[in-house]
Amino acid sequence: MKQTSHARPVDARTPERR
């Protein structure tokens, strides 16, 4: 299951929201 519906992949060290 993907947590982000955005095109950009979410990393552990990279927050999905800037």
C-alpha atoms as a PDB file:
ATOM      1  CA  MET A   1       0.000   0.000   0.000  1.00  0.00           C
ATOM      2  CA  LYS A   2       1.442   3.332  -1.041  1.00  0.00           C
ATOM      3  CA  GLN A   3       1.061   6.170   1.412  1.00  0.00           C
ATOM      4  CA  THR A   4       1.563   8.925  -1.160  1.00  0.00           C
ATOM      5  CA  SER A   5      -0.682   9.423  -4.157  1.00  0.00           C
ATOM      6  CA  HIS A   6       1.710  11.948  -5.638  1.00  0.00           C
ATOM      7  CA  ALA A   7       4.075  11.200  -8.502  1.00  0.00           C
ATOM      8  CA  ARG A   8       7.133  11.894  -6.375  1.00  0.00           C
ATOM      9  CA  PRO A   9       8.245   8.929  -4.229  1.00  0.00           C
ATOM     10  CA  VAL A  10       8.313   9.516  -0.489  1.00  0.00           C
ATOM     11  CA  ASP A  11      11.567   8.643   1.245  1.00  0.00           C
ATOM     12  CA  ALA A  12      12.173   7.906   4.919  1.00  0.00           C
ATOM     13  CA  ARG A  13      14.390  10.959   5.237  1.00  0.00           C
ATOM     14  CA  THR A  14      12.367  13.044   2.809  1.00  0.00           C
ATOM     15  CA  PRO A  15       9.054  14.370   4.181  1.00  0.00           C
ATOM     16  CA  GLU A  16       6.077  14.112   1.852  1.00  0.00           C
ATOM     17  CA  ARG A  17       5.037  17.626   2.848  1.00  0.00           C
ATOM     18  CA  ARG A  18       7.591  20.426   2.571  1.00  0.00           C
END
